[in-house]
Amino acid sequence: AARALRCGVPLKGYFVWSLMDNFEWAEGYSQRFGLIWVDFATQERRFKASAHWYRDFLQQHTQ
């Protein structure tokens, strides 16, 4: 997305796969795609590095 913006693409949105780690039908709980890490035993949640990147990206490229 950042490269597209540098090339002049009028990017109006960015979609992430999942807000939090979740159950995937083919992989169960083994694959973690979310911006927020979830401990499924305790329900504890923590921001991943990707969540901080997404926050920074939005702050830099939105009006």
PDB file of N, CA and C in Angstrom:
ATOM      1  N   ALA A   1       0.818  -1.181   0.000  1.00  0.00           N
ATOM      2  CA  ALA A   1       0.000   0.000   0.000  1.00  0.00           C
ATOM      3  C   ALA A   1       0.872   1.260   0.000  1.00  0.00           C
ATOM      4  N   ALA A   2       1.906   1.267   0.808  1.00  0.00           N
ATOM      5  CA  ALA A   2       2.771   2.451   0.862  1.00  0.00           C
ATOM      6  C   ALA A   2       3.444   2.687  -0.482  1.00  0.00           C
ATOM      7  N   ARG A   3       3.874   1.629  -1.144  1.00  0.00           N
ATOM      8  CA  ARG A   3       4.511   1.769  -2.460  1.00  0.00           C
ATOM      9  C   ARG A   3       3.495   2.273  -3.488  1.00  0.00           C
ATOM     10  N   ALA A   4       2.273   1.785  -3.423  1.00  0.00           N
ATOM     11  CA  ALA A   4       1.235   2.252  -4.343  1.00  0.00           C
ATOM     12  C   ALA A   4       1.003   3.749  -4.170  1.00  0.00           C
ATOM     13  N   LEU A   5       0.969   4.213  -2.931  1.00  0.00           N
ATOM     14  CA  LEU A   5       0.802   5.646  -2.680  1.00  0.00           C
ATOM     15  C   LEU A   5       1.963   6.447  -3.254  1.00  0.00           C
ATOM     16  N   ARG A   6       3.181   5.952  -3.073  1.00  0.00           N
ATOM     17  CA  ARG A   6       4.352   6.649  -3.619  1.00  0.00           C
ATOM     18  C   ARG A   6       4.298   6.722  -5.141  1.00  0.00           C
ATOM     19  N   CYS A   7       3.684   5.729  -5.764  1.00  0.00           N
ATOM     20  CA  CYS A   7       3.575   5.693  -7.232  1.00  0.00           C
ATOM     21  C   CYS A   7       2.384   6.494  -7.739  1.00  0.00           C
ATOM     22  N   GLY A   8       1.645   7.111  -6.840  1.00  0.00           N
ATOM     23  CA  GLY A   8       0.541   7.967  -7.251  1.00  0.00           C
ATOM     24  C   GLY A   8      -0.817   7.295  -7.333  1.00  0.00           C
ATOM     25  N   VAL A   9      -0.928   6.069  -6.878  1.00  0.00           N
ATOM     26  CA  VAL A   9      -2.220   5.380  -6.893  1.00  0.00           C
ATOM     27  C   VAL A   9      -3.136   6.050  -5.864  1.00  0.00           C
ATOM     28  N   PRO A  10      -4.349   6.431  -6.260  1.00  0.00           N
ATOM     29  CA  PRO A  10      -5.261   7.093  -5.314  1.00  0.00           C
ATOM     30  C   PRO A  10      -5.916   6.076  -4.370  1.00  0.00           C
ATOM     31  N   LEU A  11      -5.127   5.540  -3.469  1.00  0.00           N
ATOM     32  CA  LEU A  11      -5.595   4.520  -2.540  1.00  0.00           C
ATOM     33  C   LEU A  11      -6.588   5.127  -1.558  1.00  0.00           C
ATOM     34  N   LYS A  12      -7.753   4.526  -1.464  1.00  0.00           N
ATOM     35  CA  LYS A  12      -8.803   5.058  -0.587  1.00  0.00           C
ATOM     36  C   LYS A  12      -9.116   4.142   0.588  1.00  0.00           C
ATOM     37  N   GLY A  13      -8.518   2.959   0.619  1.00  0.00           N
ATOM     38  CA  GLY A  13      -8.797   2.047   1.714  1.00  0.00           C
ATOM     39  C   GLY A  13      -7.774   0.938   1.782  1.00  0.00           C
ATOM     40  N   TYR A  14      -7.762   0.243   2.903  1.00  0.00           N
ATOM     41  CA  TYR A  14      -6.856  -0.878   3.110  1.00  0.00           C
ATOM     42  C   TYR A  14      -7.582  -1.867   3.996  1.00  0.00           C
ATOM     43  N   PHE A  15      -7.640  -3.119   3.591  1.00  0.00           N
ATOM     44  CA  PHE A  15      -8.382  -4.143   4.316  1.00  0.00           C
ATOM     45  C   PHE A  15      -7.425  -5.147   4.932  1.00  0.00           C
ATOM     46  N   VAL A  16      -7.559  -5.384   6.216  1.00  0.00           N
ATOM     47  CA  VAL A  16      -6.760  -6.429   6.871  1.00  0.00           C
ATOM     48  C   VAL A  16      -7.611  -7.683   6.987  1.00  0.00           C
ATOM     49  N   TRP A  17      -6.972  -8.830   6.994  1.00  0.00           N
ATOM     50  CA  TRP A  17      -7.704 -10.100   6.994  1.00  0.00           C
ATOM     51  C   TRP A  17      -8.557 -10.267   8.246  1.00  0.00           C
ATOM     52  N   SER A  18      -7.987  -9.950   9.395  1.00  0.00           N
ATOM     53  CA  SER A  18      -8.732 -10.191  10.628  1.00  0.00           C
ATOM     54  C   SER A  18      -8.228  -9.268  11.732  1.00  0.00           C
ATOM     55  N   LEU A  19      -9.149  -8.757  12.523  1.00  0.00           N
ATOM     56  CA  LEU A  19      -8.766  -7.916  13.649  1.00  0.00           C
ATOM     57  C   LEU A  19      -8.005  -8.725  14.698  1.00  0.00           C
ATOM     58  N   MET A  20      -8.535  -9.912  15.025  1.00  0.00           N
ATOM     59  CA  MET A  20      -7.916 -10.750  16.055  1.00  0.00           C
ATOM     60  C   MET A  20      -7.642 -12.143  15.502  1.00  0.00           C
ATOM     61  N   ASP A  21      -6.679 -12.820  16.117  1.00  0.00           N
ATOM     62  CA  ASP A  21      -6.469 -14.226  15.789  1.00  0.00           C
ATOM     63  C   ASP A  21      -7.788 -14.958  16.020  1.00  0.00           C
ATOM     64  N   ASN A  22      -8.068 -15.934  15.163  1.00  0.00           N
ATOM     65  CA  ASN A  22      -9.344 -16.631  15.277  1.00  0.00           C
ATOM     66  C   ASN A  22      -9.235 -18.057  14.762  1.00  0.00           C
ATOM     67  N   PHE A  23     -10.344 -18.753  14.744  1.00  0.00           N
ATOM     68  CA  PHE A  23     -10.401 -20.120  14.251  1.00  0.00           C
ATOM     69  C   PHE A  23     -10.502 -20.103  12.733  1.00  0.00           C
ATOM     70  N   GLU A  24      -9.646 -20.858  12.066  1.00  0.00           N
ATOM     71  CA  GLU A  24      -9.696 -21.028  10.610  1.00  0.00           C
ATOM     72  C   GLU A  24     -10.127 -22.461  10.331  1.00  0.00           C
ATOM     73  N   TRP A  25     -11.101 -22.647   9.477  1.00  0.00           N
ATOM     74  CA  TRP A  25     -11.656 -23.980   9.229  1.00  0.00           C
ATOM     75  C   TRP A  25     -10.589 -24.983   8.812  1.00  0.00           C
ATOM     76  N   ALA A  26      -9.676 -24.601   7.957  1.00  0.00           N
ATOM     77  CA  ALA A  26      -8.676 -25.545   7.452  1.00  0.00           C
ATOM     78  C   ALA A  26      -7.503 -25.740   8.416  1.00  0.00           C
ATOM     79  N   GLU A  27      -7.235 -24.763   9.273  1.00  0.00           N
ATOM     80  CA  GLU A  27      -6.038 -24.797  10.120  1.00  0.00           C
ATOM     81  C   GLU A  27      -6.331 -24.795  11.617  1.00  0.00           C
ATOM     82  N   GLY A  28      -7.575 -24.682  11.995  1.00  0.00           N
ATOM     83  CA  GLY A  28      -7.913 -24.599  13.418  1.00  0.00           C
ATOM     84  C   GLY A  28      -7.379 -23.307  14.019  1.00  0.00           C
ATOM     85  N   TYR A  29      -6.753 -23.402  15.177  1.00  0.00           N
ATOM     86  CA  TYR A  29      -6.187 -22.231  15.848  1.00  0.00           C
ATOM     87  C   TYR A  29      -4.688 -22.079  15.591  1.00  0.00           C
ATOM     88  N   SER A  30      -4.124 -22.897  14.699  1.00  0.00           N
ATOM     89  CA  SER A  30      -2.663 -22.896  14.514  1.00  0.00           C
ATOM     90  C   SER A  30      -2.146 -21.702  13.708  1.00  0.00           C
ATOM     91  N   GLN A  31      -2.947 -21.150  12.811  1.00  0.00           N
ATOM     92  CA  GLN A  31      -2.519 -19.999  12.013  1.00  0.00           C
ATOM     93  C   GLN A  31      -3.065 -18.725  12.651  1.00  0.00           C
ATOM     94  N   ARG A  32      -2.208 -17.724  12.771  1.00  0.00           N
ATOM     95  CA  ARG A  32      -2.613 -16.482  13.429  1.00  0.00           C
ATOM     96  C   ARG A  32      -2.486 -15.333  12.442  1.00  0.00           C
ATOM     97  N   PHE A  33      -3.635 -14.829  12.008  1.00  0.00           N
ATOM     98  CA  PHE A  33      -3.669 -13.797  10.978  1.00  0.00           C
ATOM     99  C   PHE A  33      -4.045 -12.421  11.507  1.00  0.00           C
ATOM    100  N   GLY A  34      -4.467 -12.309  12.729  1.00  0.00           N
ATOM    101  CA  GLY A  34      -5.010 -11.054  13.228  1.00  0.00           C
ATOM    102  C   GLY A  34      -3.971 -10.012  13.584  1.00  0.00           C
ATOM    103  N   LEU A  35      -4.446  -8.787  13.756  1.00  0.00           N
ATOM    104  CA  LEU A  35      -3.609  -7.691  14.238  1.00  0.00           C
ATOM    105  C   LEU A  35      -3.409  -7.798  15.749  1.00  0.00           C
ATOM    106  N   ILE A  36      -4.300  -8.499  16.398  1.00  0.00           N
ATOM    107  CA  ILE A  36      -4.253  -8.661  17.849  1.00  0.00           C
ATOM    108  C   ILE A  36      -4.053 -10.135  18.177  1.00  0.00           C
ATOM    109  N   TRP A  37      -3.026 -10.440  18.970  1.00  0.00           N
ATOM    110  CA  TRP A  37      -2.730 -11.807  19.399  1.00  0.00           C
ATOM    111  C   TRP A  37      -3.695 -12.193  20.504  1.00  0.00           C
ATOM    112  N   VAL A  38      -4.240 -13.388  20.427  1.00  0.00           N
ATOM    113  CA  VAL A  38      -5.184 -13.875  21.431  1.00  0.00           C
ATOM    114  C   VAL A  38      -4.647 -15.154  22.058  1.00  0.00           C
ATOM    115  N   ASP A  39      -4.615 -15.181  23.392  1.00  0.00           N
ATOM    116  CA  ASP A  39      -4.340 -16.416  24.122  1.00  0.00           C
ATOM    117  C   ASP A  39      -5.704 -17.080  24.301  1.00  0.00           C
ATOM    118  N   PHE A  40      -5.934 -18.167  23.587  1.00  0.00           N
ATOM    119  CA  PHE A  40      -7.255 -18.780  23.590  1.00  0.00           C
ATOM    120  C   PHE A  40      -7.606 -19.437  24.922  1.00  0.00           C
ATOM    121  N   ALA A  41      -6.628 -19.733  25.753  1.00  0.00           N
ATOM    122  CA  ALA A  41      -6.897 -20.327  27.068  1.00  0.00           C
ATOM    123  C   ALA A  41      -7.372 -19.284  28.071  1.00  0.00           C
ATOM    124  N   THR A  42      -6.767 -18.080  28.035  1.00  0.00           N
ATOM    125  CA  THR A  42      -7.091 -17.049  29.026  1.00  0.00           C
ATOM    126  C   THR A  42      -7.876 -15.875  28.445  1.00  0.00           C
ATOM    127  N   GLN A  43      -7.974 -15.809  27.118  1.00  0.00           N
ATOM    128  CA  GLN A  43      -8.618 -14.702  26.403  1.00  0.00           C
ATOM    129  C   GLN A  43      -7.816 -13.403  26.496  1.00  0.00           C
ATOM    130  N   GLU A  44      -6.577 -13.474  26.968  1.00  0.00           N
ATOM    131  CA  GLU A  44      -5.706 -12.294  26.970  1.00  0.00           C
ATOM    132  C   GLU A  44      -5.470 -11.868  25.523  1.00  0.00           C
ATOM    133  N   ARG A  45      -5.399 -10.560  25.301  1.00  0.00           N
ATOM    134  CA  ARG A  45      -5.169 -10.019  23.969  1.00  0.00           C
ATOM    135  C   ARG A  45      -4.036  -9.003  24.024  1.00  0.00           C
ATOM    136  N   ARG A  46      -3.165  -9.024  22.991  1.00  0.00           N
ATOM    137  CA  ARG A  46      -2.058  -8.063  22.903  1.00  0.00           C
ATOM    138  C   ARG A  46      -1.912  -7.620  21.460  1.00  0.00           C
ATOM    139  N   PHE A  47      -1.595  -6.345  21.290  1.00  0.00           N
ATOM    140  CA  PHE A  47      -1.331  -5.833  19.950  1.00  0.00           C
ATOM    141  C   PHE A  47      -0.054  -6.458  19.402  1.00  0.00           C
ATOM    142  N   LYS A  48      -0.095  -6.887  18.147  1.00  0.00           N
ATOM    143  CA  LYS A  48       1.096  -7.393  17.464  1.00  0.00           C
ATOM    144  C   LYS A  48       1.804  -6.216  16.799  1.00  0.00           C
ATOM    145  N   ALA A  49       3.021  -6.440  16.321  1.00  0.00           N
ATOM    146  CA  ALA A  49       3.756  -5.400  15.594  1.00  0.00           C
ATOM    147  C   ALA A  49       2.947  -4.924  14.394  1.00  0.00           C
ATOM    148  N   SER A  50       2.211  -5.824  13.758  1.00  0.00           N
ATOM    149  CA  SER A  50       1.404  -5.447  12.594  1.00  0.00           C
ATOM    150  C   SER A  50       0.300  -4.465  12.973  1.00  0.00           C
ATOM    151  N   ALA A  51      -0.229  -4.543  14.180  1.00  0.00           N
ATOM    152  CA  ALA A  51      -1.248  -3.594  14.632  1.00  0.00           C
ATOM    153  C   ALA A  51      -0.652  -2.201  14.763  1.00  0.00           C
ATOM    154  N   HIS A  52       0.559  -2.122  15.277  1.00  0.00           N
ATOM    155  CA  HIS A  52       1.226  -0.822  15.404  1.00  0.00           C
ATOM    156  C   HIS A  52       1.573  -0.268  14.018  1.00  0.00           C
ATOM    157  N   TRP A  53       1.996  -1.145  13.097  1.00  0.00           N
ATOM    158  CA  TRP A  53       2.279  -0.709  11.728  1.00  0.00           C
ATOM    159  C   TRP A  53       1.012  -0.159  11.088  1.00  0.00           C
ATOM    160  N   TYR A  54      -0.102  -0.860  11.249  1.00  0.00           N
ATOM    161  CA  TYR A  54      -1.370  -0.436  10.651  1.00  0.00           C
ATOM    162  C   TYR A  54      -1.808   0.909  11.221  1.00  0.00           C
ATOM    163  N   ARG A  55      -1.680   1.102  12.527  1.00  0.00           N
ATOM    164  CA  ARG A  55      -2.007   2.382  13.158  1.00  0.00           C
ATOM    165  C   ARG A  55      -1.159   3.505  12.568  1.00  0.00           C
ATOM    166  N   ASP A  56       0.155   3.273  12.483  1.00  0.00           N
ATOM    167  CA  ASP A  56       1.053   4.294  11.947  1.00  0.00           C
ATOM    168  C   ASP A  56       0.746   4.594  10.487  1.00  0.00           C
ATOM    169  N   PHE A  57       0.468   3.548   9.711  1.00  0.00           N
ATOM    170  CA  PHE A  57       0.127   3.724   8.299  1.00  0.00           C
ATOM    171  C   PHE A  57      -1.113   4.602   8.153  1.00  0.00           C
ATOM    172  N   LEU A  58      -2.144   4.318   8.943  1.00  0.00           N
ATOM    173  CA  LEU A  58      -3.373   5.106   8.860  1.00  0.00           C
ATOM    174  C   LEU A  58      -3.140   6.550   9.285  1.00  0.00           C
ATOM    175  N   GLN A  59      -2.340   6.762  10.308  1.00  0.00           N
ATOM    176  CA  GLN A  59      -2.064   8.124  10.760  1.00  0.00           C
ATOM    177  C   GLN A  59      -1.320   8.925   9.703  1.00  0.00           C
ATOM    178  N   GLN A  60      -0.430   8.283   8.976  1.00  0.00           N
ATOM    179  CA  GLN A  60       0.379   8.976   7.975  1.00  0.00           C
ATOM    180  C   GLN A  60      -0.367   9.225   6.675  1.00  0.00           C
ATOM    181  N   HIS A  61      -1.381   8.406   6.366  1.00  0.00           N
ATOM    182  CA  HIS A  61      -1.982   8.460   5.037  1.00  0.00           C
ATOM    183  C   HIS A  61      -3.473   8.751   5.031  1.00  0.00           C
ATOM    184  N   THR A  62      -4.001   9.308   6.098  1.00  0.00           N
ATOM    185  CA  THR A  62      -5.409   9.686   6.107  1.00  0.00           C
ATOM    186  C   THR A  62      -5.526  11.159   6.445  1.00  0.00           C
ATOM    187  N   GLN A  63      -6.643  11.698   6.075  1.00  0.00           N
ATOM    188  CA  GLN A  63      -6.866  13.132   6.305  1.00  0.00           C
ATOM    189  C   GLN A  63      -7.797  13.347   7.468  1.00  0.00           C
TER     190      GLN A  63
END
